[in-house]
């Protein structure tokens, strides 16, 4: 079906654009738990989780509910130790988000009496709160107009304004924030931003959008929506290899390693060894997983005690029954579940 004809710019008839979008959302908007609250802490948790993670993962696998059950408020999160925090976040990846969320909680408790500041300038002084998160809190919690632009909204704006500048360029990010503020419904800023994101998720989708069912199609200047948005050339994916060993001692304990690097600080994993140290050992497990611009190939080898010595920094013998309570990076959790069941 052909795209409906453009009639008027959204910037020239903002009231009609807002009304059409708001009416549509009122009828079809999804009922997510973070859309039922104006409480800044719960909104912040959802926003942190949804950064680089799909709604289906956060909601469908219960991460949001479980995290709030463990840490129901700012005070409980501000007192969390690393092990309990990372365990509650386990499986979501990008674990720095969990620590930044705790840092934010501590800053609000210590510097603002446990109450989130209601102005964007002060929100931006909190650790872990950038322009997007501050805009979300302003709209969803305090009912203020804000420049809330995620990937879905940026795609809509590119098509709506027929903007061919790369969406990940500084120029596009700046102008999209300006358009987002200008189009935001001052009477219902939270509903407006939820509607824009819903529109991007279900109608103005990547690739070929469903223009025939778009509630704001007559405001869209773009004649070929599938050609937009444009992005800068992708960064080349680098393939990495990780070699790990699986070994038990005479009491049945398993050798693990507590990571201290930047990527998974505070998480447990199978001990990594060099390719030469694993040469001659039997490979018993293999998988691959993505992380930022890398594709990691994980290979696990069966080792006897003499193949693991000397132990590296962070190596520790752990009783198998403790595996369920330790925070373990998802690729290694999956590997351990297979290995403990089969070896």
C-alpha atoms as a PDB file:
ATOM      1  CA  UNK A   1       0.000   0.000   0.000  1.00  0.00           C
ATOM      2  CA  UNK A   2       1.265   3.477  -0.869  1.00  0.00           C
ATOM      3  CA  UNK A   3       2.226   5.922   1.860  1.00  0.00           C
ATOM      4  CA  UNK A   4      -0.584   8.434   2.590  1.00  0.00           C
ATOM      5  CA  UNK A   5       0.022  11.846   1.069  1.00  0.00           C
ATOM      6  CA  UNK A   6       1.772  14.544   3.082  1.00  0.00           C
ATOM      7  CA  UNK A   7      -0.554  17.429   3.970  1.00  0.00           C
ATOM      8  CA  UNK A   8       1.030  19.669   6.594  1.00  0.00           C
ATOM      9  CA  UNK A   9       4.211  19.806   8.665  1.00  0.00           C
ATOM     10  CA  UNK A  10       3.875  18.716  12.285  1.00  0.00           C
ATOM     11  CA  UNK A  11       5.783  21.843  13.278  1.00  0.00           C
ATOM     12  CA  UNK A  12       3.200  24.022  11.520  1.00  0.00           C
ATOM     13  CA  UNK A  13       0.189  22.314  13.083  1.00  0.00           C
ATOM     14  CA  UNK A  14       1.465  21.022  16.404  1.00  0.00           C
ATOM     15  CA  UNK A  15      -1.955  20.883  18.067  1.00  0.00           C
ATOM     16  CA  UNK A  16      -3.405  18.550  15.447  1.00  0.00           C
ATOM     17  CA  UNK A  17      -0.275  16.407  15.436  1.00  0.00           C
ATOM     18  CA  UNK A  18      -0.394  16.031  19.234  1.00  0.00           C
ATOM     19  CA  UNK A  19      -4.125  15.312  19.215  1.00  0.00           C
ATOM     20  CA  UNK A  20      -3.840  12.607  16.527  1.00  0.00           C
ATOM     21  CA  UNK A  21      -0.890  10.953  18.247  1.00  0.00           C
ATOM     22  CA  UNK A  22      -2.442  11.131  21.724  1.00  0.00           C
ATOM     23  CA  UNK A  23      -5.808   9.756  20.597  1.00  0.00           C
ATOM     24  CA  UNK A  24      -4.127   6.835  18.856  1.00  0.00           C
ATOM     25  CA  UNK A  25      -1.988   6.012  21.895  1.00  0.00           C
ATOM     26  CA  UNK A  26      -4.973   6.145  24.241  1.00  0.00           C
ATOM     27  CA  UNK A  27      -6.533   3.343  22.200  1.00  0.00           C
ATOM     28  CA  UNK A  28      -3.527   1.116  21.467  1.00  0.00           C
ATOM     29  CA  UNK A  29      -0.810   1.946  24.013  1.00  0.00           C
ATOM     30  CA  UNK A  30       0.697  -1.087  25.757  1.00  0.00           C
ATOM     31  CA  UNK A  31       0.347  -1.486  29.509  1.00  0.00           C
ATOM     32  CA  UNK A  32       3.903  -1.731  30.841  1.00  0.00           C
ATOM     33  CA  UNK A  33       4.423  -1.557  34.647  1.00  0.00           C
ATOM     34  CA  UNK A  34       6.681   1.507  34.402  1.00  0.00           C
ATOM     35  CA  UNK A  35       3.886   3.316  32.558  1.00  0.00           C
ATOM     36  CA  UNK A  36       1.612   2.910  35.581  1.00  0.00           C
ATOM     37  CA  UNK A  37       3.809   4.915  37.941  1.00  0.00           C
ATOM     38  CA  UNK A  38       5.133   8.447  38.330  1.00  0.00           C
ATOM     39  CA  UNK A  39       7.546   7.378  41.072  1.00  0.00           C
ATOM     40  CA  UNK A  40      11.046   8.520  39.948  1.00  0.00           C
ATOM     41  CA  UNK A  41      12.883   5.509  41.398  1.00  0.00           C
ATOM     42  CA  UNK A  42      10.772   2.946  39.532  1.00  0.00           C
ATOM     43  CA  UNK A  43      10.941   4.958  36.319  1.00  0.00           C
ATOM     44  CA  UNK A  44      14.713   5.269  36.688  1.00  0.00           C
ATOM     45  CA  UNK A  45      15.109   1.501  37.124  1.00  0.00           C
ATOM     46  CA  UNK A  46      13.101   0.874  33.952  1.00  0.00           C
ATOM     47  CA  UNK A  47      15.049   3.463  31.959  1.00  0.00           C
ATOM     48  CA  UNK A  48      18.391   2.030  33.045  1.00  0.00           C
ATOM     49  CA  UNK A  49      17.297  -1.492  32.151  1.00  0.00           C
ATOM     50  CA  UNK A  50      15.873  -0.469  28.786  1.00  0.00           C
ATOM     51  CA  UNK A  51      19.134   1.130  27.705  1.00  0.00           C
ATOM     52  CA  UNK A  52      20.598  -1.360  25.193  1.00  0.00           C
ATOM     53  CA  UNK A  53      18.033  -4.020  26.205  1.00  0.00           C
ATOM     54  CA  UNK A  54      14.706  -4.761  24.526  1.00  0.00           C
ATOM     55  CA  UNK A  55      11.379  -4.367  26.320  1.00  0.00           C
ATOM     56  CA  UNK A  56      10.580  -8.039  25.689  1.00  0.00           C
ATOM     57  CA  UNK A  57      13.719  -9.075  27.574  1.00  0.00           C
ATOM     58  CA  UNK A  58      13.281  -6.705  30.519  1.00  0.00           C
ATOM     59  CA  UNK A  59       9.607  -7.522  30.953  1.00  0.00           C
ATOM     60  CA  UNK A  60       9.235 -11.039  29.558  1.00  0.00           C
ATOM     61  CA  UNK A  61      12.046 -12.498  31.646  1.00  0.00           C
ATOM     62  CA  UNK A  62      10.975 -10.690  34.808  1.00  0.00           C
ATOM     63  CA  UNK A  63      14.106  -8.597  35.369  1.00  0.00           C
ATOM     64  CA  UNK A  64      12.200  -5.418  36.280  1.00  0.00           C
ATOM     65  CA  UNK A  65       9.895  -7.107  38.794  1.00  0.00           C
ATOM     66  CA  UNK A  66      12.646  -9.159  40.436  1.00  0.00           C
ATOM     67  CA  UNK A  67      14.967  -6.175  40.806  1.00  0.00           C
ATOM     68  CA  UNK A  68      12.259  -4.101  42.521  1.00  0.00           C
ATOM     69  CA  UNK A  69      11.389  -6.991  44.797  1.00  0.00           C
ATOM     70  CA  UNK A  70      15.036  -7.140  45.871  1.00  0.00           C
ATOM     71  CA  UNK A  71      15.512  -3.356  46.032  1.00  0.00           C
ATOM     72  CA  UNK A  72      12.081  -1.744  46.432  1.00  0.00           C
ATOM     73  CA  UNK A  73      13.339   1.789  47.086  1.00  0.00           C
ATOM     74  CA  UNK A  74      16.296   4.149  46.948  1.00  0.00           C
ATOM     75  CA  UNK A  75      17.398   3.359  50.477  1.00  0.00           C
ATOM     76  CA  UNK A  76      17.640  -0.403  49.942  1.00  0.00           C
ATOM     77  CA  UNK A  77      19.510   0.021  46.657  1.00  0.00           C
ATOM     78  CA  UNK A  78      21.904   2.585  48.125  1.00  0.00           C
ATOM     79  CA  UNK A  79      22.987  -0.006  50.734  1.00  0.00           C
ATOM     80  CA  UNK A  80      23.389  -2.909  48.273  1.00  0.00           C
ATOM     81  CA  UNK A  81      26.716  -4.728  48.168  1.00  0.00           C
ATOM     82  CA  UNK A  82      28.276  -5.698  44.866  1.00  0.00           C
ATOM     83  CA  UNK A  83      27.352  -9.382  45.035  1.00  0.00           C
ATOM     84  CA  UNK A  84      23.630  -8.851  45.682  1.00  0.00           C
ATOM     85  CA  UNK A  85      23.452  -5.977  43.180  1.00  0.00           C
ATOM     86  CA  UNK A  86      25.095  -7.892  40.349  1.00  0.00           C
ATOM     87  CA  UNK A  87      23.090 -11.023  41.122  1.00  0.00           C
ATOM     88  CA  UNK A  88      19.849  -9.030  40.806  1.00  0.00           C
ATOM     89  CA  UNK A  89      21.083  -7.617  37.481  1.00  0.00           C
ATOM     90  CA  UNK A  90      22.455 -10.918  36.189  1.00  0.00           C
ATOM     91  CA  UNK A  91      21.529 -11.662  32.576  1.00  0.00           C
ATOM     92  CA  UNK A  92      20.904  -8.056  31.551  1.00  0.00           C
ATOM     93  CA  UNK A  93      24.540  -7.416  30.667  1.00  0.00           C
ATOM     94  CA  UNK A  94      26.284  -4.037  30.612  1.00  0.00           C
ATOM     95  CA  UNK A  95      26.751  -4.326  34.371  1.00  0.00           C
ATOM     96  CA  UNK A  96      28.079  -0.800  34.671  1.00  0.00           C
ATOM     97  CA  UNK A  97      24.425   0.281  34.468  1.00  0.00           C
ATOM     98  CA  UNK A  98      23.674  -1.489  37.758  1.00  0.00           C
ATOM     99  CA  UNK A  99      26.510   0.243  39.563  1.00  0.00           C
ATOM    100  CA  UNK A 100      25.546   3.624  38.118  1.00  0.00           C
ATOM    101  CA  UNK A 101      21.965   3.022  39.265  1.00  0.00           C
ATOM    102  CA  UNK A 102      23.255   2.383  42.784  1.00  0.00           C
ATOM    103  CA  UNK A 103      25.453   5.496  42.603  1.00  0.00           C
ATOM    104  CA  UNK A 104      22.395   7.527  41.637  1.00  0.00           C
ATOM    105  CA  UNK A 105      20.423   6.106  44.558  1.00  0.00           C
ATOM    106  CA  UNK A 106      23.232   6.974  46.968  1.00  0.00           C
ATOM    107  CA  UNK A 107      23.505  10.518  45.616  1.00  0.00           C
ATOM    108  CA  UNK A 108      19.757  11.132  45.965  1.00  0.00           C
ATOM    109  CA  UNK A 109      19.725   9.716  49.511  1.00  0.00           C
ATOM    110  CA  UNK A 110      22.869  11.512  50.665  1.00  0.00           C
ATOM    111  CA  UNK A 111      22.546  14.848  48.857  1.00  0.00           C
ATOM    112  CA  UNK A 112      18.814  15.323  48.309  1.00  0.00           C
ATOM    113  CA  UNK A 113      17.203  13.775  51.384  1.00  0.00           C
ATOM    114  CA  UNK A 114      15.969  10.758  49.444  1.00  0.00           C
ATOM    115  CA  UNK A 115      13.834  12.856  47.071  1.00  0.00           C
ATOM    116  CA  UNK A 116      14.619  13.195  43.373  1.00  0.00           C
ATOM    117  CA  UNK A 117      15.174  16.811  42.302  1.00  0.00           C
ATOM    118  CA  UNK A 118      12.432  18.041  39.981  1.00  0.00           C
ATOM    119  CA  UNK A 119      14.535  20.166  37.639  1.00  0.00           C
ATOM    120  CA  UNK A 120      16.602  18.926  34.731  1.00  0.00           C
ATOM    121  CA  UNK A 121      19.767  20.851  35.597  1.00  0.00           C
ATOM    122  CA  UNK A 122      19.999  19.210  39.033  1.00  0.00           C
ATOM    123  CA  UNK A 123      19.036  15.790  37.687  1.00  0.00           C
ATOM    124  CA  UNK A 124      21.988  15.995  35.303  1.00  0.00           C
ATOM    125  CA  UNK A 125      24.367  16.353  38.260  1.00  0.00           C
ATOM    126  CA  UNK A 126      23.420  12.862  39.484  1.00  0.00           C
ATOM    127  CA  UNK A 127      25.834  10.061  38.562  1.00  0.00           C
ATOM    128  CA  UNK A 128      24.454   7.879  35.801  1.00  0.00           C
ATOM    129  CA  UNK A 129      21.847  10.423  34.700  1.00  0.00           C
ATOM    130  CA  UNK A 130      22.469  11.804  31.208  1.00  0.00           C
ATOM    131  CA  UNK A 131      20.260  13.932  28.940  1.00  0.00           C
ATOM    132  CA  UNK A 132      17.993  11.036  27.917  1.00  0.00           C
ATOM    133  CA  UNK A 133      17.376   9.759  31.462  1.00  0.00           C
ATOM    134  CA  UNK A 134      16.849  13.286  32.797  1.00  0.00           C
ATOM    135  CA  UNK A 135      14.331  13.960  30.004  1.00  0.00           C
ATOM    136  CA  UNK A 136      12.484  10.735  30.840  1.00  0.00           C
ATOM    137  CA  UNK A 137      12.228  11.639  34.525  1.00  0.00           C
ATOM    138  CA  UNK A 138      11.068  15.170  33.713  1.00  0.00           C
ATOM    139  CA  UNK A 139       8.266  13.930  31.441  1.00  0.00           C
ATOM    140  CA  UNK A 140       7.144  10.723  33.150  1.00  0.00           C
ATOM    141  CA  UNK A 141       7.533  11.785  36.783  1.00  0.00           C
ATOM    142  CA  UNK A 142       7.208  15.569  36.884  1.00  0.00           C
ATOM    143  CA  UNK A 143       4.948  16.230  33.893  1.00  0.00           C
ATOM    144  CA  UNK A 144       7.375  18.637  32.214  1.00  0.00           C
ATOM    145  CA  UNK A 145       8.130  19.133  28.516  1.00  0.00           C
ATOM    146  CA  UNK A 146      11.464  17.503  27.694  1.00  0.00           C
ATOM    147  CA  UNK A 147      13.668  16.386  24.815  1.00  0.00           C
ATOM    148  CA  UNK A 148      13.179  12.628  25.074  1.00  0.00           C
ATOM    149  CA  UNK A 149      14.773  11.035  22.016  1.00  0.00           C
ATOM    150  CA  UNK A 150      15.605   7.335  21.763  1.00  0.00           C
ATOM    151  CA  UNK A 151      16.248   5.289  18.626  1.00  0.00           C
ATOM    152  CA  UNK A 152      12.541   4.919  17.890  1.00  0.00           C
ATOM    153  CA  UNK A 153      11.851   8.645  18.227  1.00  0.00           C
ATOM    154  CA  UNK A 154      14.893   9.596  16.181  1.00  0.00           C
ATOM    155  CA  UNK A 155      13.706   7.319  13.361  1.00  0.00           C
ATOM    156  CA  UNK A 156      10.241   8.913  13.446  1.00  0.00           C
ATOM    157  CA  UNK A 157      11.680  12.426  13.374  1.00  0.00           C
ATOM    158  CA  UNK A 158      13.977  11.599  10.455  1.00  0.00           C
ATOM    159  CA  UNK A 159      10.984  10.438   8.423  1.00  0.00           C
ATOM    160  CA  UNK A 160       8.545  13.042   9.691  1.00  0.00           C
ATOM    161  CA  UNK A 161      10.880  15.881   8.665  1.00  0.00           C
ATOM    162  CA  UNK A 162      12.497  14.059   5.724  1.00  0.00           C
ATOM    163  CA  UNK A 163      15.864  14.504   7.409  1.00  0.00           C
ATOM    164  CA  UNK A 164      18.665  12.648   5.639  1.00  0.00           C
ATOM    165  CA  UNK A 165      21.463  13.569   8.041  1.00  0.00           C
ATOM    166  CA  UNK A 166      22.896  10.498   9.855  1.00  0.00           C
ATOM    167  CA  UNK A 167      20.838   9.944  13.015  1.00  0.00           C
ATOM    168  CA  UNK A 168      23.978   9.104  14.989  1.00  0.00           C
ATOM    169  CA  UNK A 169      25.705  12.377  14.040  1.00  0.00           C
ATOM    170  CA  UNK A 170      26.012  15.282  16.445  1.00  0.00           C
ATOM    171  CA  UNK A 171      24.016  17.519  14.124  1.00  0.00           C
ATOM    172  CA  UNK A 172      21.044  15.151  13.948  1.00  0.00           C
ATOM    173  CA  UNK A 173      21.057  14.496  17.690  1.00  0.00           C
ATOM    174  CA  UNK A 174      20.912  18.230  18.393  1.00  0.00           C
ATOM    175  CA  UNK A 175      18.133  19.038  15.917  1.00  0.00           C
ATOM    176  CA  UNK A 176      16.100  15.973  16.924  1.00  0.00           C
ATOM    177  CA  UNK A 177      16.164  17.101  20.545  1.00  0.00           C
ATOM    178  CA  UNK A 178      14.968  20.534  19.452  1.00  0.00           C
ATOM    179  CA  UNK A 179      12.133  19.023  17.395  1.00  0.00           C
ATOM    180  CA  UNK A 180      11.198  16.705  20.283  1.00  0.00           C
ATOM    181  CA  UNK A 181      10.769  19.681  22.622  1.00  0.00           C
ATOM    182  CA  UNK A 182       8.799  21.681  20.069  1.00  0.00           C
ATOM    183  CA  UNK A 183       6.415  18.809  19.297  1.00  0.00           C
ATOM    184  CA  UNK A 184       5.955  17.627  22.890  1.00  0.00           C
ATOM    185  CA  UNK A 185       2.436  18.087  24.205  1.00  0.00           C
ATOM    186  CA  UNK A 186       2.741  20.455  27.218  1.00  0.00           C
ATOM    187  CA  UNK A 187      -0.565  19.188  28.607  1.00  0.00           C
ATOM    188  CA  UNK A 188       0.456  15.501  28.503  1.00  0.00           C
ATOM    189  CA  UNK A 189       4.250  15.240  28.096  1.00  0.00           C
ATOM    190  CA  UNK A 190       4.492  11.727  29.536  1.00  0.00           C
ATOM    191  CA  UNK A 191       1.733  10.364  27.331  1.00  0.00           C
ATOM    192  CA  UNK A 192       3.235  12.121  24.300  1.00  0.00           C
ATOM    193  CA  UNK A 193       6.676  10.562  24.741  1.00  0.00           C
ATOM    194  CA  UNK A 194       5.243   7.108  25.431  1.00  0.00           C
ATOM    195  CA  UNK A 195       3.164   7.513  22.262  1.00  0.00           C
ATOM    196  CA  UNK A 196       6.184   8.456  20.172  1.00  0.00           C
ATOM    197  CA  UNK A 197       8.125   5.419  21.368  1.00  0.00           C
ATOM    198  CA  UNK A 198       5.111   3.156  20.839  1.00  0.00           C
ATOM    199  CA  UNK A 199       4.726   4.533  17.325  1.00  0.00           C
ATOM    200  CA  UNK A 200       8.359   3.749  16.557  1.00  0.00           C
ATOM    201  CA  UNK A 201       8.138   0.242  17.984  1.00  0.00           C
ATOM    202  CA  UNK A 202       4.953  -0.848  16.213  1.00  0.00           C
ATOM    203  CA  UNK A 203       4.216   1.388  13.219  1.00  0.00           C
ATOM    204  CA  UNK A 204       7.171   3.535  12.138  1.00  0.00           C
ATOM    205  CA  UNK A 205       9.387   0.466  12.329  1.00  0.00           C
ATOM    206  CA  UNK A 206      12.908  -0.001  10.950  1.00  0.00           C
ATOM    207  CA  UNK A 207      12.973  -0.976   7.307  1.00  0.00           C
ATOM    208  CA  UNK A 208       9.486  -0.915   5.861  1.00  0.00           C
ATOM    209  CA  UNK A 209       7.055   0.927   8.181  1.00  0.00           C
ATOM    210  CA  UNK A 210       3.271   0.434   8.314  1.00  0.00           C
ATOM    211  CA  UNK A 211       2.481   3.876   6.908  1.00  0.00           C
ATOM    212  CA  UNK A 212      -1.086   2.921   6.011  1.00  0.00           C
ATOM    213  CA  UNK A 213      -1.929   2.537   9.720  1.00  0.00           C
ATOM    214  CA  UNK A 214       0.100   5.501  10.990  1.00  0.00           C
ATOM    215  CA  UNK A 215      -2.021   8.030  12.923  1.00  0.00           C
ATOM    216  CA  UNK A 216       0.236  10.926  11.908  1.00  0.00           C
ATOM    217  CA  UNK A 217       0.986   9.933   8.308  1.00  0.00           C
ATOM    218  CA  UNK A 218      -0.446  13.166   6.901  1.00  0.00           C
ATOM    219  CA  UNK A 219       2.227  15.115   8.808  1.00  0.00           C
ATOM    220  CA  UNK A 220       5.092  13.027   7.372  1.00  0.00           C
ATOM    221  CA  UNK A 221       7.176  14.781   4.704  1.00  0.00           C
ATOM    222  CA  UNK A 222       9.141  11.698   3.662  1.00  0.00           C
ATOM    223  CA  UNK A 223       8.127  10.120   0.344  1.00  0.00           C
ATOM    224  CA  UNK A 224      10.239   6.964   0.848  1.00  0.00           C
ATOM    225  CA  UNK A 225      10.238   6.097   4.587  1.00  0.00           C
ATOM    226  CA  UNK A 226      12.114   2.831   4.074  1.00  0.00           C
ATOM    227  CA  UNK A 227      15.163   4.846   2.972  1.00  0.00           C
ATOM    228  CA  UNK A 228      15.399   6.639   6.307  1.00  0.00           C
ATOM    229  CA  UNK A 229      16.969   7.028   8.744  1.00  0.00           C
ATOM    230  CA  UNK A 230      20.538   7.095   7.530  1.00  0.00           C
ATOM    231  CA  UNK A 231      23.344   6.018   9.847  1.00  0.00           C
ATOM    232  CA  UNK A 232      27.079   6.459   9.738  1.00  0.00           C
ATOM    233  CA  UNK A 233      28.993   3.379   8.515  1.00  0.00           C
ATOM    234  CA  UNK A 234      28.998   0.575  11.074  1.00  0.00           C
ATOM    235  CA  UNK A 235      32.075  -0.195  13.111  1.00  0.00           C
ATOM    236  CA  UNK A 236      33.617  -3.479  12.024  1.00  0.00           C
ATOM    237  CA  UNK A 237      32.904  -6.387  14.373  1.00  0.00           C
ATOM    238  CA  UNK A 238      36.070  -7.877  15.867  1.00  0.00           C
ATOM    239  CA  UNK A 239      36.156 -11.591  16.644  1.00  0.00           C
ATOM    240  CA  UNK A 240      37.773 -12.568  19.944  1.00  0.00           C
ATOM    241  CA  UNK A 241      38.504 -16.002  21.376  1.00  0.00           C
ATOM    242  CA  UNK A 242      38.293 -16.929  25.056  1.00  0.00           C
ATOM    243  CA  UNK A 243      39.770 -20.186  26.372  1.00  0.00           C
ATOM    244  CA  UNK A 244      38.448 -21.391  29.730  1.00  0.00           C
ATOM    245  CA  UNK A 245      38.944 -24.484  31.879  1.00  0.00           C
ATOM    246  CA  UNK A 246      36.386 -26.525  33.796  1.00  0.00           C
ATOM    247  CA  UNK A 247      37.866 -28.398  36.729  1.00  0.00           C
ATOM    248  CA  UNK A 248      36.699 -29.868  40.042  1.00  0.00           C
ATOM    249  CA  UNK A 249      38.818 -30.634  43.068  1.00  0.00           C
ATOM    250  CA  UNK A 250      38.603 -33.796  45.180  1.00  0.00           C
ATOM    251  CA  UNK A 251      35.721 -32.368  47.262  1.00  0.00           C
ATOM    252  CA  UNK A 252      33.622 -31.475  44.212  1.00  0.00           C
ATOM    253  CA  UNK A 253      34.308 -27.744  44.292  1.00  0.00           C
ATOM    254  CA  UNK A 254      34.576 -25.915  40.950  1.00  0.00           C
ATOM    255  CA  UNK A 255      37.322 -23.466  40.103  1.00  0.00           C
ATOM    256  CA  UNK A 256      35.955 -20.013  39.263  1.00  0.00           C
ATOM    257  CA  UNK A 257      37.474 -16.588  38.819  1.00  0.00           C
ATOM    258  CA  UNK A 258      36.223 -13.296  40.275  1.00  0.00           C
ATOM    259  CA  UNK A 259      36.721 -10.700  37.571  1.00  0.00           C
ATOM    260  CA  UNK A 260      38.291  -7.372  38.428  1.00  0.00           C
ATOM    261  CA  UNK A 261      38.504  -5.757  34.992  1.00  0.00           C
ATOM    262  CA  UNK A 262      36.323  -2.983  33.610  1.00  0.00           C
ATOM    263  CA  UNK A 263      33.951  -5.174  31.623  1.00  0.00           C
ATOM    264  CA  UNK A 264      32.543  -7.509  34.303  1.00  0.00           C
ATOM    265  CA  UNK A 265      34.044  -6.274  37.544  1.00  0.00           C
ATOM    266  CA  UNK A 266      32.611  -8.264  40.460  1.00  0.00           C
ATOM    267  CA  UNK A 267      31.171 -11.093  38.355  1.00  0.00           C
ATOM    268  CA  UNK A 268      32.287 -14.710  38.482  1.00  0.00           C
ATOM    269  CA  UNK A 269      33.332 -16.735  35.453  1.00  0.00           C
ATOM    270  CA  UNK A 270      35.211 -19.873  34.498  1.00  0.00           C
ATOM    271  CA  UNK A 271      38.984 -19.269  34.712  1.00  0.00           C
ATOM    272  CA  UNK A 272      40.478 -18.139  31.418  1.00  0.00           C
ATOM    273  CA  UNK A 273      43.776 -19.527  30.205  1.00  0.00           C
ATOM    274  CA  UNK A 274      45.944 -19.012  27.170  1.00  0.00           C
ATOM    275  CA  UNK A 275      45.420 -21.045  24.012  1.00  0.00           C
ATOM    276  CA  UNK A 276      48.761 -22.746  24.625  1.00  0.00           C
ATOM    277  CA  UNK A 277      47.709 -23.821  28.130  1.00  0.00           C
ATOM    278  CA  UNK A 278      44.592 -25.465  26.694  1.00  0.00           C
ATOM    279  CA  UNK A 279      46.469 -27.227  23.934  1.00  0.00           C
ATOM    280  CA  UNK A 280      46.045 -30.978  24.348  1.00  0.00           C
ATOM    281  CA  UNK A 281      43.012 -30.633  26.634  1.00  0.00           C
ATOM    282  CA  UNK A 282      39.600 -31.962  25.609  1.00  0.00           C
ATOM    283  CA  UNK A 283      37.146 -29.302  24.475  1.00  0.00           C
ATOM    284  CA  UNK A 284      33.789 -29.948  26.165  1.00  0.00           C
ATOM    285  CA  UNK A 285      31.804 -26.792  25.449  1.00  0.00           C
ATOM    286  CA  UNK A 286      31.702 -24.000  22.884  1.00  0.00           C
ATOM    287  CA  UNK A 287      29.477 -20.953  22.358  1.00  0.00           C
ATOM    288  CA  UNK A 288      29.629 -17.411  21.074  1.00  0.00           C
ATOM    289  CA  UNK A 289      28.160 -14.138  22.301  1.00  0.00           C
ATOM    290  CA  UNK A 290      28.217 -10.459  21.298  1.00  0.00           C
ATOM    291  CA  UNK A 291      29.472  -7.605  23.432  1.00  0.00           C
ATOM    292  CA  UNK A 292      29.578  -4.045  22.038  1.00  0.00           C
ATOM    293  CA  UNK A 293      31.661  -4.284  18.836  1.00  0.00           C
ATOM    294  CA  UNK A 294      33.002  -7.760  19.524  1.00  0.00           C
ATOM    295  CA  UNK A 295      31.862 -11.312  18.816  1.00  0.00           C
ATOM    296  CA  UNK A 296      33.418 -13.584  21.417  1.00  0.00           C
ATOM    297  CA  UNK A 297      33.990 -17.278  20.801  1.00  0.00           C
ATOM    298  CA  UNK A 298      34.105 -19.091  24.149  1.00  0.00           C
ATOM    299  CA  UNK A 299      35.785 -22.493  24.273  1.00  0.00           C
ATOM    300  CA  UNK A 300      35.836 -24.529  27.507  1.00  0.00           C
ATOM    301  CA  UNK A 301      38.243 -27.394  28.114  1.00  0.00           C
ATOM    302  CA  UNK A 302      38.185 -30.191  30.664  1.00  0.00           C
ATOM    303  CA  UNK A 303      41.202 -29.910  32.926  1.00  0.00           C
ATOM    304  CA  UNK A 304      42.748 -31.825  35.782  1.00  0.00           C
ATOM    305  CA  UNK A 305      44.185 -29.988  38.802  1.00  0.00           C
ATOM    306  CA  UNK A 306      47.698 -30.001  37.391  1.00  0.00           C
ATOM    307  CA  UNK A 307      46.461 -28.241  34.233  1.00  0.00           C
ATOM    308  CA  UNK A 308      45.166 -25.227  36.199  1.00  0.00           C
ATOM    309  CA  UNK A 309      48.183 -24.481  38.372  1.00  0.00           C
ATOM    310  CA  UNK A 310      49.500 -22.020  39.300  1.00  0.00           C
ATOM    311  CA  UNK A 311      46.190 -20.320  40.055  1.00  0.00           C
ATOM    312  CA  UNK A 312      45.688 -16.840  38.649  1.00  0.00           C
ATOM    313  CA  UNK A 313      44.649 -13.782  40.618  1.00  0.00           C
ATOM    314  CA  UNK A 314      40.945 -14.049  41.442  1.00  0.00           C
ATOM    315  CA  UNK A 315      40.777 -17.843  41.072  1.00  0.00           C
ATOM    316  CA  UNK A 316      38.818 -19.504  43.862  1.00  0.00           C
ATOM    317  CA  UNK A 317      37.390 -22.933  44.595  1.00  0.00           C
ATOM    318  CA  UNK A 318      33.611 -22.632  44.940  1.00  0.00           C
ATOM    319  CA  UNK A 319      31.148 -25.293  46.181  1.00  0.00           C
ATOM    320  CA  UNK A 320      28.705 -26.175  43.410  1.00  0.00           C
ATOM    321  CA  UNK A 321      25.695 -25.291  45.587  1.00  0.00           C
ATOM    322  CA  UNK A 322      26.887 -21.657  45.695  1.00  0.00           C
ATOM    323  CA  UNK A 323      26.605 -21.227  41.935  1.00  0.00           C
ATOM    324  CA  UNK A 324      22.944 -20.252  42.202  1.00  0.00           C
ATOM    325  CA  UNK A 325      23.610 -17.312  44.527  1.00  0.00           C
ATOM    326  CA  UNK A 326      26.757 -15.916  42.905  1.00  0.00           C
ATOM    327  CA  UNK A 327      26.533 -13.208  40.215  1.00  0.00           C
ATOM    328  CA  UNK A 328      27.848 -14.896  37.072  1.00  0.00           C
ATOM    329  CA  UNK A 329      28.094 -13.379  33.594  1.00  0.00           C
ATOM    330  CA  UNK A 330      25.356 -14.831  31.362  1.00  0.00           C
ATOM    331  CA  UNK A 331      27.647 -16.673  28.870  1.00  0.00           C
ATOM    332  CA  UNK A 332      29.431 -18.400  31.750  1.00  0.00           C
ATOM    333  CA  UNK A 333      26.185 -19.128  33.608  1.00  0.00           C
ATOM    334  CA  UNK A 334      24.953 -20.928  30.500  1.00  0.00           C
ATOM    335  CA  UNK A 335      28.229 -22.838  30.194  1.00  0.00           C
ATOM    336  CA  UNK A 336      28.202 -23.860  33.865  1.00  0.00           C
ATOM    337  CA  UNK A 337      24.620 -25.106  33.678  1.00  0.00           C
ATOM    338  CA  UNK A 338      25.623 -27.397  30.815  1.00  0.00           C
ATOM    339  CA  UNK A 339      28.915 -28.497  32.356  1.00  0.00           C
ATOM    340  CA  UNK A 340      27.659 -29.259  35.867  1.00  0.00           C
ATOM    341  CA  UNK A 341      24.837 -31.306  34.387  1.00  0.00           C
ATOM    342  CA  UNK A 342      27.027 -33.315  32.042  1.00  0.00           C
ATOM    343  CA  UNK A 343      30.525 -33.560  33.543  1.00  0.00           C
END
